[in-house]
Amino acid sequence: MSGGIRSQTIVVGVAAVVLALVTVAGLPAPLQTVAAMAVLILLPGWALARLTPVTDVALEVLLVVALGLAALTAVSTAMFYLALWSWQACVLAMAVITVLACLARAWTDTVRARKEAT
């Protein structure tokens, strides 16, 4: 841990940015599918689930999928109603949500570390 921020938080945020950019730039179809699924469902769900105080592994796995799908549904619906739909924009929006959730987790980790230090 550096400054109270867990390395897992940094890895999830960086992975979201890298995979989103690689997905939008283009990959062979099977790789692009895997990268898109990670950016659209798994990474945002993981980042959002880490903001909850859940300690049970099975419940956390369920939350990853549920929160990822919920965020994807909200983003897709908003883009559809605003007539801004494009799969590239959706991938980038989900990456932004992941990074914001990682920043929120980093902030709470830092605050917690400062409280423990005093």
Protein backbone atom coordinates (compact mmCIF):
# COMPACT_ATOMS: atom_id res chain seq x y z
CA MET A 1 0.00 0.00 0.00
CA SER A 2 1.29 3.44 -0.90
CA GLY A 3 -0.38 6.28 0.95
CA GLY A 4 -3.27 4.01 1.92
CA ILE A 5 -4.27 3.27 -1.69
CA ARG A 6 -4.40 -0.43 -2.48
CA SER A 7 -2.63 -1.65 -5.60
CA GLN A 8 -5.80 -3.49 -6.64
CA THR A 9 -7.55 -0.12 -7.02
CA ILE A 10 -4.81 1.17 -9.30
CA VAL A 11 -4.78 -2.03 -11.38
CA VAL A 12 -8.55 -1.93 -11.96
CA GLY A 13 -8.48 1.74 -12.99
CA VAL A 14 -5.51 1.36 -15.33
CA ALA A 15 -6.94 -1.85 -16.82
CA ALA A 16 -10.21 -0.07 -17.57
CA VAL A 17 -8.45 2.76 -19.40
CA VAL A 18 -6.11 0.49 -21.36
CA LEU A 19 -8.78 -2.04 -22.34
CA ALA A 20 -11.22 0.70 -23.33
CA LEU A 21 -8.69 2.37 -25.59
CA VAL A 22 -7.59 -0.94 -27.11
CA THR A 23 -11.21 -1.99 -27.65
CA VAL A 24 -12.12 1.28 -29.37
CA ALA A 25 -8.92 1.23 -31.45
CA GLY A 26 -9.77 -2.23 -32.71
CA LEU A 27 -8.66 -5.77 -32.04
CA PRO A 28 -9.31 -9.09 -33.72
CA ALA A 29 -12.95 -10.07 -33.09
CA PRO A 30 -12.45 -12.70 -30.34
CA LEU A 31 -10.04 -10.49 -28.37
CA GLN A 32 -12.22 -7.43 -28.82
CA THR A 33 -15.19 -9.35 -27.40
CA VAL A 34 -13.27 -10.36 -24.29
CA ALA A 35 -11.88 -6.86 -23.78
CA ALA A 36 -15.30 -5.27 -24.30
CA MET A 37 -16.96 -7.61 -21.79
CA ALA A 38 -14.28 -6.75 -19.24
CA VAL A 39 -14.71 -3.00 -19.76
CA LEU A 40 -18.51 -3.08 -20.02
CA ILE A 41 -19.39 -5.42 -17.15
CA LEU A 42 -16.57 -6.87 -15.06
CA LEU A 43 -14.31 -3.91 -14.30
CA PRO A 44 -17.09 -1.39 -13.53
CA GLY A 45 -18.89 -4.00 -11.43
CA TRP A 46 -15.69 -4.84 -9.57
CA ALA A 47 -14.87 -1.17 -8.94
CA LEU A 48 -18.40 -0.43 -7.73
CA ALA A 49 -18.61 -3.58 -5.58
CA ARG A 50 -15.38 -2.59 -3.83
CA LEU A 51 -17.18 0.52 -2.56
CA THR A 52 -19.53 -1.65 -0.50
CA PRO A 53 -18.67 -3.19 2.89
CA VAL A 54 -19.38 -6.74 1.66
CA THR A 55 -16.91 -9.37 2.88
CA ASP A 56 -18.60 -12.55 1.63
CA VAL A 57 -16.91 -13.75 -1.57
CA ALA A 58 -20.04 -15.24 -3.14
CA LEU A 59 -22.03 -12.08 -2.52
CA GLU A 60 -19.19 -9.96 -3.88
CA VAL A 61 -19.11 -12.00 -7.12
CA LEU A 62 -22.86 -11.55 -7.45
CA LEU A 63 -22.49 -7.81 -6.83
CA VAL A 64 -19.78 -7.51 -9.48
CA VAL A 65 -22.07 -8.91 -12.16
CA ALA A 66 -25.21 -7.14 -10.91
CA LEU A 67 -23.59 -3.72 -10.52
CA GLY A 68 -21.78 -4.04 -13.84
CA LEU A 69 -24.99 -4.89 -15.68
CA ALA A 70 -26.91 -2.16 -13.83
CA ALA A 71 -24.34 0.49 -14.74
CA LEU A 72 -24.26 -0.71 -18.35
CA THR A 73 -28.05 -0.59 -18.53
CA ALA A 74 -28.15 2.93 -17.09
CA VAL A 75 -25.47 4.22 -19.48
CA SER A 76 -27.00 2.52 -22.52
CA THR A 77 -30.50 3.75 -21.71
CA ALA A 78 -29.30 7.32 -21.15
CA MET A 79 -27.35 7.29 -24.40
CA PHE A 80 -30.33 5.86 -26.27
CA TYR A 81 -32.76 8.48 -24.95
CA LEU A 82 -30.28 11.28 -25.63
CA ALA A 83 -29.79 9.93 -29.18
CA LEU A 84 -26.06 9.62 -28.55
CA TRP A 85 -25.74 5.86 -28.88
CA SER A 86 -22.49 4.40 -30.16
CA TRP A 87 -20.73 1.35 -28.82
CA GLN A 88 -17.44 3.26 -28.64
CA ALA A 89 -18.96 5.98 -26.49
CA CYS A 90 -20.54 3.33 -24.27
CA VAL A 91 -17.17 1.62 -23.76
CA LEU A 92 -15.54 4.93 -22.90
CA ALA A 93 -18.37 5.91 -20.52
CA MET A 94 -18.05 2.61 -18.67
CA ALA A 95 -14.29 3.12 -18.40
CA VAL A 96 -14.94 6.57 -16.91
CA ILE A 97 -17.37 5.07 -14.39
CA THR A 98 -14.74 2.50 -13.44
CA VAL A 99 -12.05 5.14 -12.99
CA LEU A 100 -14.38 7.32 -10.91
CA ALA A 101 -15.26 4.36 -8.67
CA CYS A 102 -11.53 3.61 -8.30
CA LEU A 103 -10.87 7.24 -7.37
CA ALA A 104 -13.64 7.08 -4.77
CA ARG A 105 -12.12 3.88 -3.34
CA ALA A 106 -8.63 5.43 -3.32
CA TRP A 107 -9.98 8.47 -1.50
CA THR A 108 -11.71 6.34 1.16
CA ASP A 109 -8.56 4.21 1.57
CA THR A 110 -6.46 7.35 2.02
CA VAL A 111 -8.88 8.83 4.56
CA ARG A 112 -8.95 5.53 6.47
CA ALA A 113 -5.13 5.35 6.49
CA ARG A 114 -4.88 8.92 7.81
CA LYS A 115 -7.36 8.18 10.59
CA GLU A 116 -5.42 5.06 11.59
CA ALA A 117 -2.15 7.02 11.60
CA THR A 118 -3.48 9.56 14.10
